[in-house]
Amino acid sequence: MIGVRWLKTVVLASALATTQLAASTARADDQSRVAEGISLYDRGQFTEAAAILGPEAEAGSTAAQFHLGLMHARGEGTPRDLAIAATWMERAAEGGHNHAQYIVGHMYAKGDGVPRDRARAHMWFTAATQNGWWKAREARERLVDEGMTPREITDAGNLLRAWRARQDQGAPR
């Protein structure tokens, strides 16, 4: 009896280890594809970069989403479209990409590709600041100095708390 139970445990542990190894290998393959796409982007091969980064962005890579957002914002390898750029940037920002959070803050502050919304801009600048993007603090302070109302600042805090709660609950990014 102990032998059978032990064998079942060993087989189950082996299957679990194999599954974890396969998932780890798949993530490494995905990361190498993203790195390849970013390398192509950095070399100015935008069409090729977009072909690689698009599927990776769809699969949830925040680095791919960020770069695809840049490409749409600048018209590099894709048609220039600030609304599409904002969509990709916001997905990366939602996933915790601090540079994307900073850029999305600017997009909301200016109304580039999204409706102008100073509370959302403030929220994303705060998230980027808390995530280590130091320029975001200055941008947030400038936004406040340019006339944010107390209500907008309160709304920004509420938006940030709601976003953090979604992150803590493991909400899809």
Protein backbone atom coordinates (compact mmCIF):
# COMPACT_ATOMS: atom_id res chain seq x y z
CA MET A 1 0.00 0.00 0.00
CA ILE A 2 2.74 2.45 0.91
CA GLY A 3 4.58 1.59 -2.30
CA VAL A 4 1.57 2.47 -4.47
CA ARG A 5 0.90 5.70 -2.60
CA TRP A 6 4.58 6.63 -2.86
CA LEU A 7 4.61 5.84 -6.59
CA LYS A 8 1.50 7.99 -7.17
CA THR A 9 3.15 10.86 -5.29
CA VAL A 10 6.33 10.54 -7.35
CA VAL A 11 4.38 10.43 -10.62
CA LEU A 12 2.29 13.45 -9.61
CA ALA A 13 5.37 15.41 -8.54
CA SER A 14 7.11 14.52 -11.80
CA ALA A 15 4.11 15.65 -13.85
CA LEU A 16 3.94 18.92 -11.91
CA ALA A 17 7.66 19.56 -12.41
CA THR A 18 7.35 18.84 -16.14
CA THR A 19 4.41 21.25 -16.44
CA GLN A 20 6.31 23.98 -14.57
CA LEU A 21 9.40 23.43 -16.73
CA ALA A 22 7.31 23.65 -19.92
CA ALA A 23 5.66 26.87 -18.71
CA SER A 24 9.03 28.33 -17.77
CA THR A 25 10.47 27.42 -21.17
CA ALA A 26 7.45 28.97 -22.94
CA ARG A 27 7.91 32.21 -20.96
CA ALA A 28 11.62 32.28 -21.86
CA ASP A 29 10.74 31.74 -25.54
CA ASP A 30 8.18 34.57 -25.34
CA GLN A 31 10.73 36.87 -23.70
CA SER A 32 13.32 36.08 -26.37
CA ARG A 33 10.75 36.91 -29.08
CA VAL A 34 10.02 40.23 -27.36
CA ALA A 35 13.75 40.94 -27.09
CA GLU A 36 14.11 40.15 -30.80
CA GLY A 37 11.26 42.53 -31.65
CA ILE A 38 12.74 45.30 -29.50
CA SER A 39 16.14 44.77 -31.12
CA LEU A 40 14.55 45.15 -34.56
CA TYR A 41 12.77 48.28 -33.33
CA ASP A 42 16.03 49.74 -32.03
CA ARG A 43 17.65 49.09 -35.43
CA GLY A 44 14.83 50.92 -37.20
CA GLN A 45 13.31 47.78 -38.73
CA PHE A 46 9.84 48.79 -37.67
CA THR A 47 7.70 46.60 -39.93
CA GLU A 48 9.59 43.48 -38.85
CA ALA A 49 9.43 44.59 -35.20
CA ALA A 50 5.66 45.11 -35.43
CA ALA A 51 5.22 41.62 -36.89
CA ILE A 52 6.93 40.13 -33.85
CA LEU A 53 5.71 42.51 -31.15
CA GLY A 54 2.04 42.42 -32.18
CA PRO A 55 1.37 38.80 -31.17
CA GLU A 56 3.51 39.18 -28.05
CA ALA A 57 1.57 42.30 -27.05
CA GLU A 58 -1.70 40.43 -27.58
CA ALA A 59 -0.32 37.63 -25.36
CA GLY A 60 0.24 40.14 -22.55
CA SER A 61 3.88 41.23 -22.73
CA THR A 62 3.99 44.74 -21.28
CA ALA A 63 7.31 45.44 -23.03
CA ALA A 64 5.76 44.49 -26.38
CA GLN A 65 2.64 46.54 -25.61
CA PHE A 66 4.78 49.55 -24.74
CA HIS A 67 6.84 49.34 -27.93
CA LEU A 68 3.78 48.73 -30.09
CA GLY A 69 2.22 51.82 -28.50
CA LEU A 70 5.32 53.84 -29.36
CA MET A 71 5.21 52.59 -32.93
CA HIS A 72 1.57 53.63 -33.36
CA ALA A 73 2.21 57.00 -31.70
CA ARG A 74 5.11 57.72 -34.03
CA GLY A 75 3.89 55.96 -37.16
CA GLU A 76 6.87 53.61 -37.18
CA GLY A 77 6.04 50.44 -39.10
CA THR A 78 2.34 51.08 -38.50
CA PRO A 79 0.01 53.90 -39.43
CA ARG A 80 0.24 56.78 -36.93
CA ASP A 81 -2.81 56.48 -34.71
CA LEU A 82 -2.84 57.98 -31.23
CA ALA A 83 -6.01 56.13 -30.19
CA ILE A 84 -4.41 52.76 -30.94
CA ALA A 85 -1.18 53.96 -29.31
CA ALA A 86 -3.14 54.91 -26.19
CA THR A 87 -4.81 51.50 -26.08
CA TRP A 88 -1.47 49.67 -26.17
CA MET A 89 0.18 52.08 -23.74
CA GLU A 90 -2.67 51.78 -21.28
CA ARG A 91 -2.53 47.97 -21.44
CA ALA A 92 1.20 48.15 -20.65
CA ALA A 93 0.51 50.69 -17.88
CA GLU A 94 -2.19 48.45 -16.39
CA GLY A 95 0.40 45.68 -16.38
CA GLY A 96 2.80 47.80 -14.33
CA HIS A 97 5.16 49.15 -17.03
CA ASN A 98 6.37 52.39 -15.40
CA HIS A 99 7.40 54.21 -18.59
CA ALA A 100 4.01 53.38 -20.13
CA GLN A 101 2.32 54.71 -16.99
CA TYR A 102 4.22 57.98 -17.43
CA ILE A 103 3.32 58.26 -21.12
CA VAL A 104 -0.34 57.40 -20.49
CA GLY A 105 -0.36 60.16 -17.88
CA HIS A 106 0.80 62.60 -20.54
CA MET A 107 -1.76 61.28 -23.03
CA TYR A 108 -4.59 61.92 -20.56
CA ALA A 109 -3.16 65.30 -19.56
CA LYS A 110 -3.09 66.46 -23.19
CA GLY A 111 -5.98 64.47 -24.64
CA ASP A 112 -3.71 62.64 -27.09
CA GLY A 113 -5.60 59.58 -28.32
CA VAL A 114 -7.88 59.66 -25.27
CA PRO A 115 -10.30 62.23 -23.86
CA ARG A 116 -8.49 64.80 -21.73
CA ASP A 117 -8.83 63.69 -18.11
CA ARG A 118 -6.62 65.33 -15.51
CA ALA A 119 -7.69 62.91 -12.75
CA ARG A 120 -6.58 59.91 -14.84
CA ALA A 121 -3.39 61.73 -15.80
CA HIS A 122 -2.64 62.37 -12.13
CA MET A 123 -3.43 58.74 -11.28
CA TRP A 124 -1.02 57.39 -13.91
CA PHE A 125 1.71 59.87 -12.95
CA THR A 126 1.32 58.74 -9.34
CA ALA A 127 1.48 55.06 -10.32
CA ALA A 128 4.61 55.71 -12.41
CA THR A 129 6.19 57.67 -9.54
CA GLN A 130 5.48 54.86 -7.10
CA ASN A 131 6.87 52.44 -9.68
CA GLY A 132 10.20 54.29 -9.85
CA TRP A 133 9.75 56.62 -12.84
CA TRP A 134 11.10 59.83 -11.29
CA LYS A 135 10.02 62.20 -14.07
CA ALA A 136 6.40 61.34 -13.36
CA ARG A 137 6.50 63.16 -10.03
CA GLU A 138 7.47 66.41 -11.75
CA ALA A 139 4.75 65.92 -14.37
CA ARG A 140 2.17 65.30 -11.64
CA GLU A 141 3.25 68.43 -9.77
CA ARG A 142 3.03 70.49 -12.97
CA LEU A 143 -0.47 69.13 -13.60
CA VAL A 144 -1.57 70.21 -10.11
CA ASP A 145 0.11 73.62 -10.51
CA GLU A 146 -1.76 74.14 -13.80
CA GLY A 147 -5.06 74.19 -11.96
CA MET A 148 -6.32 70.76 -10.96
CA THR A 149 -9.33 71.11 -8.70
CA PRO A 150 -9.49 69.44 -5.29
CA ARG A 151 -12.26 67.23 -6.70
CA GLU A 152 -9.99 66.07 -9.56
CA ILE A 153 -7.22 65.25 -7.08
CA THR A 154 -9.67 63.27 -4.94
CA ASP A 155 -10.91 61.45 -8.05
CA ALA A 156 -7.30 60.63 -8.98
CA GLY A 157 -6.74 59.08 -5.55
CA ASN A 158 -9.92 57.03 -5.90
CA LEU A 159 -8.87 55.86 -9.37
CA LEU A 160 -5.44 54.85 -8.06
CA ARG A 161 -6.91 52.93 -5.12
CA ALA A 162 -9.33 51.11 -7.43
CA TRP A 163 -6.50 50.24 -9.83
CA ARG A 164 -4.30 48.99 -6.97
CA ALA A 165 -7.18 46.86 -5.66
CA ARG A 166 -7.59 45.26 -9.11
CA GLN A 167 -3.84 44.57 -9.18
CA ASP A 168 -3.98 43.01 -5.69
CA GLN A 169 -6.84 40.77 -6.80
CA GLY A 170 -4.85 39.61 -9.83
CA ALA A 171 -7.20 41.20 -12.33
CA PRO A 172 -6.37 40.50 -15.97
CA ARG A 173 -4.01 43.08 -17.32
